[in-house]
Amino acid sequence: MVARDALTAEKDRRRETLPRLALFVAFGILSSAAYLATMVACVDVLGFPVVPSSVAAFVVGTLVSYVLNTRFTYRDRMNWANFNRFALVVLIGFGLNVAITWIFARLGVHYVIGALVVFVVVPAFNFLAHSRFTYGAGRAP
């Protein structure tokens, strides 16, 4: 009976993956739009320098991603525990971004190729990490 319940739970989890991935991608696009809108507003409307504007845009984009993914992609409540796990995943993804870019630059590969690798690796990492760590059943309390 226990094995059957585990098999059913695994089938349910797999069935949810594709719609969850679609929402994750859609909300990634929306959070990128929020990032860009914030960046433009800070630089062109408010006259702030580019680097502080990018920090503000990163924070806004991350918050948009957190709210949308928590409420809709993973159907969870917003709280400090999952926000902290979300932020940790985002920071690790940022580290992956920097590491991949650095490796490709050291190898003499054109930066656009590195960026394309980042566009695949970092969102895939984020989706898996959020699914299993931030919101997953195996997360620490």
N, C-alpha and C. Protein backbone atom coordinates (compact mmCIF):
# COMPACT_ATOMS: atom_id res chain seq x y z
N MET A 1 0.82 -1.20 0.00
CA MET A 1 0.00 0.00 0.00
C MET A 1 0.86 1.26 0.00
N VAL A 2 1.94 1.26 0.79
CA VAL A 2 2.81 2.43 0.87
C VAL A 2 3.49 2.68 -0.47
N ALA A 3 3.94 1.60 -1.12
CA ALA A 3 4.60 1.75 -2.42
C ALA A 3 3.63 2.31 -3.45
N ARG A 4 2.37 1.88 -3.39
CA ARG A 4 1.36 2.39 -4.31
C ARG A 4 1.11 3.87 -4.09
N ASP A 5 1.05 4.29 -2.82
CA ASP A 5 0.88 5.71 -2.50
C ASP A 5 2.05 6.54 -3.00
N ALA A 6 3.25 6.01 -2.86
CA ALA A 6 4.45 6.71 -3.33
C ALA A 6 4.43 6.84 -4.85
N LEU A 7 4.01 5.78 -5.53
CA LEU A 7 3.92 5.81 -6.99
C LEU A 7 2.88 6.83 -7.45
N THR A 8 1.76 6.87 -6.79
CA THR A 8 0.72 7.85 -7.12
C THR A 8 1.21 9.27 -6.88
N ALA A 9 1.91 9.48 -5.77
CA ALA A 9 2.46 10.81 -5.48
C ALA A 9 3.47 11.23 -6.54
N GLU A 10 4.30 10.29 -6.99
CA GLU A 10 5.28 10.60 -8.04
C GLU A 10 4.59 10.95 -9.35
N LYS A 11 3.55 10.23 -9.70
CA LYS A 11 2.79 10.54 -10.93
C LYS A 11 2.15 11.92 -10.83
N ASP A 12 1.59 12.24 -9.68
CA ASP A 12 0.99 13.56 -9.48
C ASP A 12 2.03 14.66 -9.62
N ARG A 13 3.21 14.44 -9.05
CA ARG A 13 4.28 15.44 -9.12
C ARG A 13 4.69 15.66 -10.57
N ARG A 14 4.85 14.60 -11.33
CA ARG A 14 5.24 14.72 -12.74
C ARG A 14 4.16 15.42 -13.56
N ARG A 15 2.91 15.14 -13.26
CA ARG A 15 1.80 15.77 -13.98
C ARG A 15 1.77 17.28 -13.74
N GLU A 16 2.20 17.71 -12.57
CA GLU A 16 2.21 19.14 -12.24
C GLU A 16 3.40 19.88 -12.82
N THR A 17 4.45 19.17 -13.24
CA THR A 17 5.71 19.81 -13.63
C THR A 17 5.57 20.70 -14.85
N LEU A 18 4.93 20.23 -15.90
CA LEU A 18 4.85 21.03 -17.14
C LEU A 18 4.05 22.32 -16.95
N PRO A 19 2.85 22.28 -16.35
CA PRO A 19 2.15 23.55 -16.11
C PRO A 19 2.93 24.47 -15.17
N ARG A 20 3.58 23.88 -14.19
CA ARG A 20 4.39 24.67 -13.25
C ARG A 20 5.55 25.33 -13.99
N LEU A 21 6.19 24.60 -14.88
CA LEU A 21 7.30 25.15 -15.67
C LEU A 21 6.81 26.29 -16.57
N ALA A 22 5.64 26.11 -17.17
CA ALA A 22 5.08 27.17 -18.03
C ALA A 22 4.84 28.45 -17.24
N LEU A 23 4.26 28.32 -16.05
CA LEU A 23 4.05 29.49 -15.20
C LEU A 23 5.39 30.12 -14.80
N PHE A 24 6.35 29.28 -14.45
CA PHE A 24 7.67 29.77 -14.04
C PHE A 24 8.31 30.60 -15.16
N VAL A 25 8.22 30.11 -16.38
CA VAL A 25 8.78 30.84 -17.53
C VAL A 25 8.02 32.15 -17.75
N ALA A 26 6.69 32.09 -17.72
CA ALA A 26 5.89 33.31 -17.92
C ALA A 26 6.21 34.35 -16.86
N PHE A 27 6.33 33.92 -15.60
CA PHE A 27 6.62 34.87 -14.53
C PHE A 27 8.07 35.35 -14.60
N GLY A 28 8.95 34.54 -15.16
CA GLY A 28 10.32 35.00 -15.40
C GLY A 28 10.34 36.15 -16.40
N ILE A 29 9.51 36.03 -17.42
CA ILE A 29 9.41 37.11 -18.41
C ILE A 29 8.82 38.36 -17.76
N LEU A 30 7.77 38.19 -16.95
CA LEU A 30 7.18 39.35 -16.26
C LEU A 30 8.16 40.00 -15.28
N SER A 31 8.91 39.20 -14.55
CA SER A 31 9.88 39.79 -13.61
C SER A 31 11.00 40.49 -14.37
N SER A 32 11.36 39.98 -15.54
CA SER A 32 12.36 40.68 -16.37
C SER A 32 11.81 42.01 -16.87
N ALA A 33 10.53 42.03 -17.22
CA ALA A 33 9.89 43.28 -17.64
C ALA A 33 9.86 44.28 -16.48
N ALA A 34 9.59 43.79 -15.27
CA ALA A 34 9.59 44.67 -14.09
C ALA A 34 11.00 45.21 -13.85
N TYR A 35 12.00 44.37 -14.04
CA TYR A 35 13.39 44.79 -13.92
C TYR A 35 13.67 45.93 -14.90
N LEU A 36 13.33 45.71 -16.17
CA LEU A 36 13.61 46.71 -17.20
C LEU A 36 12.85 48.00 -16.94
N ALA A 37 11.59 47.90 -16.56
CA ALA A 37 10.79 49.10 -16.29
C ALA A 37 11.39 49.89 -15.12
N THR A 38 11.82 49.18 -14.10
CA THR A 38 12.44 49.86 -12.94
C THR A 38 13.73 50.52 -13.35
N MET A 39 14.54 49.82 -14.14
CA MET A 39 15.82 50.36 -14.59
C MET A 39 15.60 51.65 -15.40
N VAL A 40 14.67 51.60 -16.33
CA VAL A 40 14.39 52.78 -17.16
C VAL A 40 13.85 53.92 -16.31
N ALA A 41 12.94 53.62 -15.40
CA ALA A 41 12.39 54.67 -14.54
C ALA A 41 13.47 55.31 -13.68
N CYS A 42 14.34 54.49 -13.11
CA CYS A 42 15.39 55.02 -12.24
C CYS A 42 16.39 55.88 -13.02
N VAL A 43 16.81 55.38 -14.19
CA VAL A 43 17.85 56.09 -14.95
C VAL A 43 17.26 57.27 -15.72
N ASP A 44 16.23 57.02 -16.52
CA ASP A 44 15.73 58.04 -17.44
C ASP A 44 14.75 59.02 -16.81
N VAL A 45 13.97 58.58 -15.83
CA VAL A 45 12.97 59.47 -15.23
C VAL A 45 13.53 60.14 -13.98
N LEU A 46 14.14 59.33 -13.11
CA LEU A 46 14.61 59.88 -11.84
C LEU A 46 16.06 60.38 -11.89
N GLY A 47 16.78 60.01 -12.95
CA GLY A 47 18.15 60.49 -13.11
C GLY A 47 19.17 59.82 -12.20
N PHE A 48 18.87 58.61 -11.69
CA PHE A 48 19.81 57.90 -10.83
C PHE A 48 20.93 57.30 -11.67
N PRO A 49 22.08 57.07 -11.07
CA PRO A 49 23.17 56.39 -11.80
C PRO A 49 22.77 54.95 -12.17
N VAL A 50 23.45 54.40 -13.17
CA VAL A 50 23.09 53.09 -13.72
C VAL A 50 23.26 51.96 -12.70
N VAL A 51 24.37 51.91 -12.00
CA VAL A 51 24.62 50.77 -11.10
C VAL A 51 23.61 50.71 -9.95
N PRO A 52 23.39 51.81 -9.22
CA PRO A 52 22.33 51.73 -8.19
C PRO A 52 20.96 51.42 -8.78
N SER A 53 20.71 51.90 -9.98
CA SER A 53 19.44 51.60 -10.65
C SER A 53 19.32 50.10 -10.94
N SER A 54 20.43 49.48 -11.32
CA SER A 54 20.38 48.04 -11.59
C SER A 54 20.14 47.25 -10.30
N VAL A 55 20.65 47.74 -9.19
CA VAL A 55 20.40 47.08 -7.90
C VAL A 55 18.91 47.19 -7.56
N ALA A 56 18.35 48.38 -7.71
CA ALA A 56 16.92 48.56 -7.45
C ALA A 56 16.09 47.68 -8.39
N ALA A 57 16.48 47.62 -9.65
CA ALA A 57 15.76 46.81 -10.63
C ALA A 57 15.85 45.33 -10.28
N PHE A 58 17.01 44.89 -9.82
CA PHE A 58 17.19 43.49 -9.42
C PHE A 58 16.27 43.15 -8.25
N VAL A 59 16.20 44.05 -7.28
CA VAL A 59 15.33 43.82 -6.11
C VAL A 59 13.87 43.76 -6.55
N VAL A 60 13.44 44.69 -7.38
CA VAL A 60 12.04 44.71 -7.84
C VAL A 60 11.74 43.44 -8.64
N GLY A 61 12.61 43.08 -9.58
CA GLY A 61 12.40 41.88 -10.38
C GLY A 61 12.33 40.62 -9.52
N THR A 62 13.20 40.55 -8.51
CA THR A 62 13.20 39.39 -7.61
C THR A 62 11.91 39.34 -6.79
N LEU A 63 11.46 40.48 -6.30
CA LEU A 63 10.22 40.51 -5.52
C LEU A 63 9.01 40.11 -6.37
N VAL A 64 8.95 40.61 -7.60
CA VAL A 64 7.87 40.22 -8.51
C VAL A 64 7.90 38.72 -8.74
N SER A 65 9.08 38.17 -8.99
CA SER A 65 9.22 36.74 -9.20
C SER A 65 8.80 35.95 -7.97
N TYR A 66 9.21 36.41 -6.79
CA TYR A 66 8.85 35.73 -5.54
C TYR A 66 7.33 35.70 -5.35
N VAL A 67 6.70 36.85 -5.49
CA VAL A 67 5.25 36.93 -5.25
C VAL A 67 4.49 36.05 -6.25
N LEU A 68 4.79 36.19 -7.53
CA LEU A 68 4.04 35.43 -8.55
C LEU A 68 4.29 33.93 -8.44
N ASN A 69 5.56 33.54 -8.27
CA ASN A 69 5.86 32.12 -8.19
C ASN A 69 5.34 31.49 -6.90
N THR A 70 5.41 32.23 -5.80
CA THR A 70 4.91 31.68 -4.55
C THR A 70 3.40 31.47 -4.62
N ARG A 71 2.68 32.49 -5.07
CA ARG A 71 1.21 32.42 -5.06
C ARG A 71 0.65 31.52 -6.16
N PHE A 72 1.23 31.53 -7.35
CA PHE A 72 0.61 30.86 -8.48
C PHE A 72 1.36 29.61 -8.96
N THR A 73 2.67 29.70 -9.12
CA THR A 73 3.41 28.55 -9.62
C THR A 73 3.42 27.43 -8.59
N TYR A 74 3.71 27.79 -7.34
CA TYR A 74 3.84 26.77 -6.29
C TYR A 74 2.67 26.77 -5.30
N ARG A 75 1.72 27.69 -5.48
CA ARG A 75 0.53 27.76 -4.65
C ARG A 75 0.85 27.64 -3.15
N ASP A 76 1.74 28.50 -2.73
CA ASP A 76 2.18 28.49 -1.33
C ASP A 76 1.89 29.86 -0.73
N ARG A 77 1.99 29.94 0.58
CA ARG A 77 1.84 31.22 1.27
C ARG A 77 3.17 31.95 1.26
N MET A 78 3.10 33.26 1.24
CA MET A 78 4.31 34.06 1.37
C MET A 78 4.65 34.15 2.86
N ASN A 79 5.89 33.81 3.17
CA ASN A 79 6.36 33.91 4.55
C ASN A 79 7.88 34.06 4.53
N TRP A 80 8.44 34.39 5.68
CA TRP A 80 9.88 34.63 5.74
C TRP A 80 10.69 33.38 5.44
N ALA A 81 10.18 32.22 5.82
CA ALA A 81 10.93 30.98 5.60
C ALA A 81 11.12 30.72 4.10
N ASN A 82 10.02 30.75 3.33
CA ASN A 82 10.21 30.48 1.90
C ASN A 82 10.83 31.67 1.17
N PHE A 83 10.64 32.88 1.70
CA PHE A 83 11.33 34.03 1.09
C PHE A 83 12.84 33.89 1.24
N ASN A 84 13.29 33.47 2.42
CA ASN A 84 14.73 33.29 2.64
C ASN A 84 15.29 32.19 1.75
N ARG A 85 14.56 31.08 1.60
CA ARG A 85 15.01 30.01 0.70
C ARG A 85 15.02 30.52 -0.74
N PHE A 86 13.99 31.28 -1.13
CA PHE A 86 13.92 31.85 -2.47
C PHE A 86 15.14 32.74 -2.73
N ALA A 87 15.43 33.61 -1.78
CA ALA A 87 16.56 34.53 -1.92
C ALA A 87 17.88 33.76 -2.02
N LEU A 88 18.03 32.69 -1.25
CA LEU A 88 19.25 31.89 -1.33
C LEU A 88 19.41 31.28 -2.72
N VAL A 89 18.33 30.75 -3.27
CA VAL A 89 18.38 30.18 -4.62
C VAL A 89 18.74 31.25 -5.64
N VAL A 90 18.15 32.43 -5.50
CA VAL A 90 18.45 33.54 -6.43
C VAL A 90 19.93 33.91 -6.34
N LEU A 91 20.47 33.98 -5.13
CA LEU A 91 21.88 34.33 -4.96
C LEU A 91 22.80 33.26 -5.55
N ILE A 92 22.46 31.99 -5.36
CA ILE A 92 23.25 30.92 -5.97
C ILE A 92 23.17 31.01 -7.49
N GLY A 93 21.97 31.28 -8.01
CA GLY A 93 21.82 31.47 -9.45
C GLY A 93 22.66 32.62 -9.97
N PHE A 94 22.73 33.69 -9.18
CA PHE A 94 23.58 34.83 -9.54
C PHE A 94 25.05 34.39 -9.57
N GLY A 95 25.45 33.60 -8.59
CA GLY A 95 26.81 33.07 -8.57
C GLY A 95 27.11 32.20 -9.78
N LEU A 96 26.14 31.37 -10.17
CA LEU A 96 26.30 30.57 -11.39
C LEU A 96 26.47 31.45 -12.61
N ASN A 97 25.69 32.51 -12.68
CA ASN A 97 25.78 33.47 -13.78
C ASN A 97 27.21 34.02 -13.88
N VAL A 98 27.72 34.49 -12.76
CA VAL A 98 29.07 35.07 -12.74
C VAL A 98 30.11 34.01 -13.10
N ALA A 99 29.98 32.80 -12.51
CA ALA A 99 30.96 31.74 -12.75
C ALA A 99 30.98 31.32 -14.22
N ILE A 100 29.81 31.13 -14.80
CA ILE A 100 29.74 30.73 -16.21
C ILE A 100 30.34 31.82 -17.10
N THR A 101 29.99 33.06 -16.83
CA THR A 101 30.52 34.17 -17.62
C THR A 101 32.03 34.24 -17.50
N TRP A 102 32.55 34.08 -16.29
CA TRP A 102 33.99 34.13 -16.05
C TRP A 102 34.71 32.99 -16.78
N ILE A 103 34.16 31.78 -16.69
CA ILE A 103 34.78 30.62 -17.35
C ILE A 103 34.84 30.82 -18.86
N PHE A 104 33.74 31.26 -19.45
CA PHE A 104 33.73 31.46 -20.90
C PHE A 104 34.68 32.58 -21.30
N ALA A 105 34.77 33.63 -20.51
CA ALA A 105 35.70 34.73 -20.80
C ALA A 105 37.14 34.23 -20.72
N ARG A 106 37.46 33.43 -19.69
CA ARG A 106 38.82 32.88 -19.53
C ARG A 106 39.19 31.96 -20.68
N LEU A 107 38.20 31.26 -21.23
CA LEU A 107 38.45 30.36 -22.35
C LEU A 107 38.53 31.10 -23.68
N GLY A 108 38.25 32.40 -23.66
CA GLY A 108 38.30 33.19 -24.87
C GLY A 108 37.08 33.03 -25.76
N VAL A 109 36.00 32.52 -25.21
CA VAL A 109 34.77 32.34 -25.96
C VAL A 109 34.00 33.67 -25.96
N HIS A 110 33.39 33.99 -27.09
CA HIS A 110 32.64 35.24 -27.21
C HIS A 110 31.59 35.32 -26.10
N TYR A 111 31.43 36.51 -25.54
CA TYR A 111 30.54 36.68 -24.39
C TYR A 111 29.09 36.32 -24.68
N VAL A 112 28.65 36.45 -25.93
CA VAL A 112 27.27 36.12 -26.26
C VAL A 112 27.02 34.61 -26.10
N ILE A 113 28.02 33.80 -26.42
CA ILE A 113 27.89 32.35 -26.23
C ILE A 113 27.74 32.06 -24.73
N GLY A 114 28.54 32.71 -23.92
CA GLY A 114 28.41 32.55 -22.47
C GLY A 114 27.05 32.97 -21.97
N ALA A 115 26.55 34.08 -22.51
CA ALA A 115 25.22 34.57 -22.10
C ALA A 115 24.14 33.56 -22.48
N LEU A 116 24.27 32.95 -23.65
CA LEU A 116 23.28 31.95 -24.07
C LEU A 116 23.30 30.74 -23.14
N VAL A 117 24.50 30.34 -22.71
CA VAL A 117 24.59 29.24 -21.74
C VAL A 117 23.94 29.65 -20.43
N VAL A 118 24.19 30.87 -19.98
CA VAL A 118 23.57 31.38 -18.76
C VAL A 118 22.04 31.36 -18.89
N PHE A 119 21.52 31.75 -20.05
CA PHE A 119 20.07 31.79 -20.28
C PHE A 119 19.42 30.42 -20.12
N VAL A 120 20.19 29.36 -20.32
CA VAL A 120 19.65 28.00 -20.17
C VAL A 120 19.93 27.46 -18.76
N VAL A 121 21.17 27.57 -18.31
CA VAL A 121 21.59 26.93 -17.07
C VAL A 121 20.94 27.57 -15.84
N VAL A 122 20.98 28.89 -15.74
CA VAL A 122 20.50 29.56 -14.52
C VAL A 122 18.99 29.38 -14.32
N PRO A 123 18.16 29.63 -15.33
CA PRO A 123 16.72 29.37 -15.11
C PRO A 123 16.42 27.90 -14.81
N ALA A 124 17.13 26.97 -15.45
CA ALA A 124 16.91 25.55 -15.16
C ALA A 124 17.28 25.25 -13.71
N PHE A 125 18.42 25.77 -13.27
CA PHE A 125 18.81 25.60 -11.87
C PHE A 125 17.76 26.20 -10.94
N ASN A 126 17.33 27.43 -11.23
CA ASN A 126 16.34 28.10 -10.38
C ASN A 126 15.05 27.29 -10.29
N PHE A 127 14.57 26.79 -11.42
CA PHE A 127 13.32 26.03 -11.39
C PHE A 127 13.48 24.77 -10.54
N LEU A 128 14.55 24.03 -10.77
CA LEU A 128 14.76 22.80 -10.00
C LEU A 128 14.96 23.10 -8.52
N ALA A 129 15.75 24.11 -8.20
CA ALA A 129 16.02 24.44 -6.80
C ALA A 129 14.76 24.95 -6.09
N HIS A 130 13.99 25.78 -6.77
CA HIS A 130 12.74 26.25 -6.15
C HIS A 130 11.76 25.08 -5.98
N SER A 131 11.68 24.22 -6.98
CA SER A 131 10.75 23.10 -6.91
C SER A 131 11.10 22.13 -5.78
N ARG A 132 12.38 21.91 -5.57
CA ARG A 132 12.80 20.91 -4.58
C ARG A 132 13.18 21.51 -3.23
N PHE A 133 13.75 22.69 -3.23
CA PHE A 133 14.25 23.28 -1.97
C PHE A 133 13.31 24.36 -1.43
N THR A 134 13.04 25.36 -2.23
CA THR A 134 12.24 26.49 -1.74
C THR A 134 10.82 26.07 -1.38
N TYR A 135 10.18 25.32 -2.28
CA TYR A 135 8.79 24.95 -2.09
C TYR A 135 8.56 23.44 -2.02
N GLY A 136 9.61 22.66 -2.22
CA GLY A 136 9.47 21.21 -2.31
C GLY A 136 9.18 20.51 -1.00
N ALA A 137 8.70 19.28 -1.13
CA ALA A 137 8.33 18.49 0.06
C ALA A 137 9.53 18.15 0.92
N GLY A 138 10.72 18.09 0.32
CA GLY A 138 11.90 17.70 1.09
C GLY A 138 12.61 18.84 1.77
N ARG A 139 12.03 20.03 1.78
CA ARG A 139 12.70 21.20 2.36
C ARG A 139 12.76 21.10 3.88
N ALA A 140 13.75 21.79 4.40
CA ALA A 140 13.85 21.87 5.87
C ALA A 140 12.80 22.84 6.38
N PRO A 141 12.25 22.59 7.56
CA PRO A 141 11.21 23.50 8.10
C PRO A 141 11.75 24.87 8.43
